[in-house]
Amino acid sequence: MKYEDKFRLTPEENRRFAKTNLTKLVFTNSRFEGLTITMPQTQTIIDGSGC
C-alpha cells in the first residue's frame, strides 16, 4: 500500500522542521526507551552543554 504525501515539504522545509522539533523527537524516543529524562535535560544534551 502506498501512502500519499500529505505535507509535500521541500527539502529545506523538512530540514527546518527537523531542527525545530529535534528536542521533542529525542525526548519522545527516550521515553519509549524507558529513560527518565526531562524535556529541559534533553534540551541541555542537544545543546551540548551537559558535559
PDB file of N, CA and C in Angstrom:
ATOM      1  N   MET A   1       0.846  -1.176   0.000  1.00  0.00           N
ATOM      2  CA  MET A   1       0.000   0.000   0.000  1.00  0.00           C
ATOM      3  C   MET A   1       0.889   1.236   0.000  1.00  0.00           C
ATOM      4  N   LYS A   2       0.618   2.164  -0.870  1.00  0.00           N
ATOM      5  CA  LYS A   2       1.396   3.392  -0.960  1.00  0.00           C
ATOM      6  C   LYS A   2       0.579   4.545  -0.387  1.00  0.00           C
ATOM      7  N   TYR A   3       1.220   5.348   0.485  1.00  0.00           N
ATOM      8  CA  TYR A   3       0.542   6.482   1.109  1.00  0.00           C
ATOM      9  C   TYR A   3       0.872   7.772   0.378  1.00  0.00           C
ATOM     10  N   GLU A   4      -0.116   8.624   0.258  1.00  0.00           N
ATOM     11  CA  GLU A   4       0.071   9.915  -0.375  1.00  0.00           C
ATOM     12  C   GLU A   4       0.854  10.838   0.551  1.00  0.00           C
ATOM     13  N   ASP A   5       1.723  11.647  -0.028  1.00  0.00           N
ATOM     14  CA  ASP A   5       2.488  12.633   0.732  1.00  0.00           C
ATOM     15  C   ASP A   5       1.562  13.798   1.059  1.00  0.00           C
ATOM     16  N   LYS A   6       1.078  13.842   2.311  1.00  0.00           N
ATOM     17  CA  LYS A   6       0.095  14.859   2.690  1.00  0.00           C
ATOM     18  C   LYS A   6       0.702  16.243   2.831  1.00  0.00           C
ATOM     19  N   PHE A   7       1.964  16.327   3.176  1.00  0.00           N
ATOM     20  CA  PHE A   7       2.536  17.619   3.532  1.00  0.00           C
ATOM     21  C   PHE A   7       3.343  18.269   2.418  1.00  0.00           C
ATOM     22  N   ARG A   8       3.955  17.489   1.575  1.00  0.00           N
ATOM     23  CA  ARG A   8       4.724  17.996   0.436  1.00  0.00           C
ATOM     24  C   ARG A   8       5.739  19.055   0.846  1.00  0.00           C
ATOM     25  N   LEU A   9       6.589  18.708   1.782  1.00  0.00           N
ATOM     26  CA  LEU A   9       7.622  19.624   2.241  1.00  0.00           C
ATOM     27  C   LEU A   9       8.796  19.611   1.269  1.00  0.00           C
ATOM     28  N   THR A  10       9.371  20.771   1.055  1.00  0.00           N
ATOM     29  CA  THR A  10      10.606  20.840   0.278  1.00  0.00           C
ATOM     30  C   THR A  10      11.733  20.327   1.166  1.00  0.00           C
ATOM     31  N   PRO A  11      12.868  19.982   0.593  1.00  0.00           N
ATOM     32  CA  PRO A  11      13.987  19.535   1.432  1.00  0.00           C
ATOM     33  C   PRO A  11      14.365  20.574   2.500  1.00  0.00           C
ATOM     34  N   GLU A  12      14.333  21.852   2.157  1.00  0.00           N
ATOM     35  CA  GLU A  12      14.651  22.904   3.123  1.00  0.00           C
ATOM     36  C   GLU A  12      13.606  22.962   4.237  1.00  0.00           C
ATOM     37  N   GLU A  13      12.338  22.848   3.898  1.00  0.00           N
ATOM     38  CA  GLU A  13      11.273  22.852   4.901  1.00  0.00           C
ATOM     39  C   GLU A  13      11.395  21.632   5.816  1.00  0.00           C
ATOM     40  N   ASN A  14      11.768  20.506   5.230  1.00  0.00           N
ATOM     41  CA  ASN A  14      11.943  19.272   6.001  1.00  0.00           C
ATOM     42  C   ASN A  14      13.083  19.425   7.004  1.00  0.00           C
ATOM     43  N   ARG A  15      14.208  20.016   6.577  1.00  0.00           N
ATOM     44  CA  ARG A  15      15.331  20.255   7.486  1.00  0.00           C
ATOM     45  C   ARG A  15      14.935  21.211   8.607  1.00  0.00           C
ATOM     46  N   ARG A  16      14.212  22.280   8.265  1.00  0.00           N
ATOM     47  CA  ARG A  16      13.791  23.253   9.267  1.00  0.00           C
ATOM     48  C   ARG A  16      12.849  22.599  10.291  1.00  0.00           C
ATOM     49  N   PHE A  17      11.945  21.759   9.811  1.00  0.00           N
ATOM     50  CA  PHE A  17      11.034  21.045  10.706  1.00  0.00           C
ATOM     51  C   PHE A  17      11.811  20.151  11.669  1.00  0.00           C
ATOM     52  N   ALA A  18      12.768  19.415  11.137  1.00  0.00           N
ATOM     53  CA  ALA A  18      13.563  18.515  11.976  1.00  0.00           C
ATOM     54  C   ALA A  18      14.351  19.296  13.015  1.00  0.00           C
ATOM     55  N   LYS A  19      14.960  20.423  12.615  1.00  0.00           N
ATOM     56  CA  LYS A  19      15.729  21.242  13.556  1.00  0.00           C
ATOM     57  C   LYS A  19      14.851  21.793  14.673  1.00  0.00           C
ATOM     58  N   THR A  20      13.677  22.279  14.327  1.00  0.00           N
ATOM     59  CA  THR A  20      12.822  22.902  15.334  1.00  0.00           C
ATOM     60  C   THR A  20      12.165  21.872  16.247  1.00  0.00           C
ATOM     61  N   ASN A  21      12.093  20.631  15.830  1.00  0.00           N
ATOM     62  CA  ASN A  21      11.434  19.602  16.632  1.00  0.00           C
ATOM     63  C   ASN A  21      12.390  18.533  17.162  1.00  0.00           C
ATOM     64  N   LEU A  22      13.685  18.754  17.012  1.00  0.00           N
ATOM     65  CA  LEU A  22      14.662  17.738  17.399  1.00  0.00           C
ATOM     66  C   LEU A  22      14.547  17.363  18.877  1.00  0.00           C
ATOM     67  N   THR A  23      14.444  18.356  19.750  1.00  0.00           N
ATOM     68  CA  THR A  23      14.365  18.066  21.181  1.00  0.00           C
ATOM     69  C   THR A  23      13.136  17.231  21.504  1.00  0.00           C
ATOM     70  N   LYS A  24      12.002  17.581  20.929  1.00  0.00           N
ATOM     71  CA  LYS A  24      10.770  16.822  21.178  1.00  0.00           C
ATOM     72  C   LYS A  24      10.896  15.395  20.664  1.00  0.00           C
ATOM     73  N   LEU A  25      11.498  15.235  19.489  1.00  0.00           N
ATOM     74  CA  LEU A  25      11.662  13.902  18.914  1.00  0.00           C
ATOM     75  C   LEU A  25      12.572  13.036  19.782  1.00  0.00           C
ATOM     76  N   VAL A  26      13.703  13.599  20.220  1.00  0.00           N
ATOM     77  CA  VAL A  26      14.634  12.853  21.059  1.00  0.00           C
ATOM     78  C   VAL A  26      13.990  12.522  22.407  1.00  0.00           C
ATOM     79  N   PHE A  27      13.287  13.498  22.992  1.00  0.00           N
ATOM     80  CA  PHE A  27      12.620  13.278  24.273  1.00  0.00           C
ATOM     81  C   PHE A  27      11.599  12.156  24.173  1.00  0.00           C
ATOM     82  N   THR A  28      10.768  12.193  23.139  1.00  0.00           N
ATOM     83  CA  THR A  28       9.745  11.167  22.954  1.00  0.00           C
ATOM     84  C   THR A  28      10.371   9.792  22.788  1.00  0.00           C
ATOM     85  N   ASN A  29      11.428   9.711  21.991  1.00  0.00           N
ATOM     86  CA  ASN A  29      12.091   8.421  21.801  1.00  0.00           C
ATOM     87  C   ASN A  29      12.750   7.931  23.084  1.00  0.00           C
ATOM     88  N   SER A  30      13.277   8.843  23.885  1.00  0.00           N
ATOM     89  CA  SER A  30      13.896   8.424  25.145  1.00  0.00           C
ATOM     90  C   SER A  30      12.854   7.837  26.092  1.00  0.00           C
ATOM     91  N   ARG A  31      11.640   8.357  26.054  1.00  0.00           N
ATOM     92  CA  ARG A  31      10.570   7.808  26.889  1.00  0.00           C
ATOM     93  C   ARG A  31      10.231   6.380  26.460  1.00  0.00           C
ATOM     94  N   PHE A  32      10.244   6.124  25.145  1.00  0.00           N
ATOM     95  CA  PHE A  32       9.999   4.762  24.657  1.00  0.00           C
ATOM     96  C   PHE A  32      11.089   3.802  25.128  1.00  0.00           C
ATOM     97  N   GLU A  33      12.302   4.336  25.301  1.00  0.00           N
ATOM     98  CA  GLU A  33      13.420   3.516  25.758  1.00  0.00           C
ATOM     99  C   GLU A  33      13.402   3.321  27.274  1.00  0.00           C
ATOM    100  N   GLY A  34      12.484   3.998  27.956  1.00  0.00           N
ATOM    101  CA  GLY A  34      12.376   3.838  29.392  1.00  0.00           C
ATOM    102  C   GLY A  34      13.276   4.765  30.192  1.00  0.00           C
ATOM    103  N   LEU A  35      13.859   5.776  29.555  1.00  0.00           N
ATOM    104  CA  LEU A  35      14.715   6.725  30.263  1.00  0.00           C
ATOM    105  C   LEU A  35      13.861   7.733  31.015  1.00  0.00           C
ATOM    106  N   THR A  36      14.344   8.134  32.169  1.00  0.00           N
ATOM    107  CA  THR A  36      13.612   9.119  32.971  1.00  0.00           C
ATOM    108  C   THR A  36      14.336  10.461  32.865  1.00  0.00           C
ATOM    109  N   ILE A  37      14.226  11.080  31.732  1.00  0.00           N
ATOM    110  CA  ILE A  37      14.872  12.356  31.469  1.00  0.00           C
ATOM    111  C   ILE A  37      13.779  13.392  31.210  1.00  0.00           C
ATOM    112  N   THR A  38      14.041  14.615  31.596  1.00  0.00           N
ATOM    113  CA  THR A  38      13.051  15.675  31.402  1.00  0.00           C
ATOM    114  C   THR A  38      13.313  16.398  30.084  1.00  0.00           C
ATOM    115  N   MET A  39      12.333  17.164  29.649  1.00  0.00           N
ATOM    116  CA  MET A  39      12.499  17.937  28.422  1.00  0.00           C
ATOM    117  C   MET A  39      13.659  18.937  28.544  1.00  0.00           C
ATOM    118  N   PRO A  40      13.776  19.683  29.673  1.00  0.00           N
ATOM    119  CA  PRO A  40      14.921  20.594  29.803  1.00  0.00           C
ATOM    120  C   PRO A  40      16.278  19.875  29.790  1.00  0.00           C
ATOM    121  N   GLN A  41      16.339  18.688  30.390  1.00  0.00           N
ATOM    122  CA  GLN A  41      17.574  17.920  30.354  1.00  0.00           C
ATOM    123  C   GLN A  41      17.900  17.500  28.925  1.00  0.00           C
ATOM    124  N   THR A  42      16.884  17.113  28.197  1.00  0.00           N
ATOM    125  CA  THR A  42      17.072  16.735  26.795  1.00  0.00           C
ATOM    126  C   THR A  42      17.603  17.917  26.000  1.00  0.00           C
ATOM    127  N   GLN A  43      17.054  19.096  26.230  1.00  0.00           N
ATOM    128  CA  GLN A  43      17.498  20.297  25.517  1.00  0.00           C
ATOM    129  C   GLN A  43      18.961  20.605  25.851  1.00  0.00           C
ATOM    130  N   THR A  44      19.341  20.439  27.111  1.00  0.00           N
ATOM    131  CA  THR A  44      20.720  20.662  27.518  1.00  0.00           C
ATOM    132  C   THR A  44      21.661  19.713  26.790  1.00  0.00           C
ATOM    133  N   ILE A  45      21.276  18.471  26.687  1.00  0.00           N
ATOM    134  CA  ILE A  45      22.090  17.480  25.980  1.00  0.00           C
ATOM    135  C   ILE A  45      22.202  17.845  24.497  1.00  0.00           C
ATOM    136  N   ILE A  46      21.081  18.227  23.884  1.00  0.00           N
ATOM    137  CA  ILE A  46      21.084  18.613  22.471  1.00  0.00           C
ATOM    138  C   ILE A  46      21.997  19.817  22.257  1.00  0.00           C
ATOM    139  N   ASP A  47      21.949  20.771  23.188  1.00  0.00           N
ATOM    140  CA  ASP A  47      22.762  21.982  23.079  1.00  0.00           C
ATOM    141  C   ASP A  47      24.246  21.699  23.303  1.00  0.00           C
ATOM    142  N   GLY A  48      24.568  20.562  23.909  1.00  0.00           N
ATOM    143  CA  GLY A  48      25.953  20.175  24.106  1.00  0.00           C
ATOM    144  C   GLY A  48      26.576  20.759  25.355  1.00  0.00           C
ATOM    145  N   SER A  49      25.782  21.350  26.232  1.00  0.00           N
ATOM    146  CA  SER A  49      26.374  21.959  27.425  1.00  0.00           C
ATOM    147  C   SER A  49      26.197  21.068  28.659  1.00  0.00           C
ATOM    148  N   GLY A  50      25.918  19.805  28.459  1.00  0.00           N
ATOM    149  CA  GLY A  50      25.721  18.900  29.581  1.00  0.00           C
ATOM    150  C   GLY A  50      26.980  18.177  29.999  1.00  0.00           C
ATOM    151  N   CYS A  51      28.101  18.489  29.380  1.00  0.00           N
ATOM    152  CA  CYS A  51      29.357  17.784  29.695  1.00  0.00           C
ATOM    153  C   CYS A  51      30.057  18.393  30.871  1.00  0.00           C
TER     154      CYS A  51
END
